[in-house]
Protein backbone atom coordinates (compact mmCIF):
# COMPACT_ATOMS: atom_id res chain seq x y z
CA GLN A 1 138.38 93.15 151.70
CA VAL A 2 141.57 95.15 151.22
CA GLN A 3 143.75 95.87 154.25
CA LEU A 4 145.71 99.12 154.07
CA VAL A 5 148.82 100.23 155.98
CA GLU A 6 150.25 103.74 155.61
CA SER A 7 153.87 104.63 156.28
CA GLY A 8 156.36 107.40 155.60
CA GLY A 9 155.01 110.10 157.86
CA GLY A 10 157.20 112.15 160.16
CA LEU A 11 158.43 115.58 161.15
CA VAL A 12 159.77 117.86 158.44
CA GLN A 13 160.55 121.56 158.14
CA ALA A 14 158.50 123.83 155.95
CA GLY A 15 159.63 123.55 152.36
CA GLY A 16 160.69 119.96 152.80
CA SER A 17 159.39 116.75 151.26
CA LEU A 18 157.97 113.42 152.36
CA ARG A 19 156.73 110.38 150.49
CA LEU A 20 153.88 108.43 151.98
CA SER A 21 153.22 104.82 151.08
CA CYS A 22 150.03 102.81 151.32
CA ALA A 23 150.59 99.05 151.22
CA ALA A 24 147.58 96.91 150.43
CA SER A 25 147.07 93.28 151.24
CA GLY A 26 144.58 91.02 149.59
CA ARG A 27 143.91 90.26 145.99
CA PHE A 28 142.88 92.47 143.10
CA PHE A 29 144.52 95.68 144.31
CA SER A 30 144.61 96.84 140.70
CA GLU A 31 140.82 96.83 140.61
CA TYR A 32 140.47 99.53 143.26
CA ASN A 33 140.59 103.28 142.99
CA MET A 34 142.83 104.82 145.66
CA GLY A 35 142.46 108.01 147.62
CA TRP A 36 144.46 110.03 150.14
CA PHE A 37 142.75 112.09 152.80
CA ARG A 38 143.99 114.01 155.81
CA GLN A 39 142.61 115.13 159.13
CA ALA A 40 144.05 117.91 161.26
CA PRO A 41 143.18 118.24 164.96
CA GLY A 42 139.69 119.59 165.43
CA LYS A 43 138.89 119.43 161.73
CA GLU A 44 137.01 117.08 159.48
CA ARG A 45 138.76 114.58 157.28
CA GLU A 46 139.41 116.19 153.92
CA PHE A 47 140.22 115.01 150.43
CA VAL A 48 143.80 115.28 149.22
CA ALA A 49 144.17 113.22 146.04
CA THR A 50 142.82 110.23 144.18
CA ILE A 51 144.01 107.91 141.42
CA ARG A 52 141.99 105.53 139.32
CA TRP A 53 142.59 101.79 139.27
CA PHE A 54 144.57 101.91 136.04
CA GLY A 55 146.68 104.82 137.25
CA GLY A 56 145.89 107.07 134.34
CA ALA A 57 143.56 109.56 135.94
CA THR A 58 144.29 111.65 139.01
CA ASP A 59 142.59 114.45 140.89
CA TYR A 60 143.85 116.80 143.60
CA ALA A 61 142.51 119.20 146.13
CA ASP A 62 143.30 122.78 145.18
CA SER A 63 145.34 123.20 148.35
CA VAL A 64 147.90 120.58 147.25
CA LYS A 65 147.78 120.86 143.47
CA GLY A 66 151.25 121.38 142.05
CA ARG A 67 152.94 120.25 145.28
CA PHE A 68 151.66 116.70 145.82
CA THR A 69 151.71 113.78 143.40
CA ILE A 70 149.72 110.59 143.78
CA SER A 71 150.88 107.41 142.07
CA ARG A 72 150.54 103.65 142.33
CA ASP A 73 152.45 100.50 141.53
CA ASN A 74 149.94 97.72 141.05
CA ALA A 75 152.69 95.11 140.83
CA LYS A 76 153.70 96.05 144.38
CA ASN A 77 150.17 96.60 145.70
CA THR A 78 151.24 100.04 146.83
CA ALA A 79 150.09 103.61 146.35
CA TYR A 80 152.19 106.68 147.05
CA LEU A 81 151.78 110.33 147.87
CA GLN A 82 154.84 112.45 147.11
CA MET A 83 154.58 115.69 149.06
CA ASN A 84 156.87 118.59 148.15
CA SER A 85 157.07 122.19 149.34
CA LEU A 86 155.34 121.23 152.54
CA LYS A 87 153.66 123.91 154.61
CA PRO A 88 152.72 123.97 158.30
CA GLU A 89 149.06 123.81 157.27
CA ASP A 90 149.75 120.38 155.75
CA THR A 91 150.16 119.01 159.27
CA ALA A 92 147.62 116.22 159.76
CA VAL A 93 147.10 112.50 159.98
CA TYR A 94 147.10 111.16 156.43
CA TYR A 95 144.90 108.24 155.45
CA CYS A 96 144.72 106.12 152.34
CA ALA A 97 141.48 104.54 151.20
CA THR A 98 140.14 102.31 148.47
CA VAL A 99 136.90 101.72 146.63
CA TRP A 100 135.92 99.29 143.88
CA ARG A 101 136.86 100.70 140.48
CA TYR A 102 133.30 100.82 139.11
CA THR A 103 131.95 102.97 141.90
CA THR A 104 129.73 105.92 141.03
CA ARG A 105 130.38 107.65 144.34
CA ASP A 106 132.14 110.98 144.58
CA SER A 107 135.87 110.31 144.79
CA ARG A 108 136.45 113.56 146.69
CA THR A 109 134.36 112.53 149.69
CA VAL A 110 134.93 110.28 152.68
CA ALA A 111 131.72 108.46 151.80
CA GLY A 112 133.22 107.60 148.43
CA TYR A 113 135.51 104.94 149.93
CA ASP A 114 135.01 101.65 151.71
CA ASN A 115 138.39 100.63 153.11
CA TRP A 116 140.66 102.81 155.22
CA GLY A 117 144.09 102.55 156.74
CA GLN A 118 145.01 103.60 160.28
CA GLY A 119 146.78 106.75 159.18
CA THR A 120 150.26 108.20 159.44
CA GLN A 121 151.16 111.49 161.14
CA VAL A 122 152.75 114.27 159.12
CA THR A 123 154.01 117.29 161.03
CA VAL A 124 155.46 120.32 159.25
CA SER A 125 157.31 122.80 161.43
CA TYR A 126 157.99 126.45 160.72
């Protein structure tokens, strides 16, 4: 079981940047695919980005493509989400999640992941 802790959220003005971190405890972090999701008030949790266990393959939601970058450092058991050109509509609680690398589940869905962090709030003001 992988334990996940997100950090790096906060309040930022539109156009600004934040970098979220997802620290994982437990062994074999490098054998898990990682995902970032977000949930705004009154809305369902939605896919943001994912990165494969080896770090070589990434995927993004259309709404963040070109602005957000997902990465990971397996030596540090940490995944990151660099968020640039933030917009007010990016305001949400951001969650990281993991799933075993050989999963066949859809990496863009909540059901595609087994382990979740508690989330970190990101608020983008006008």
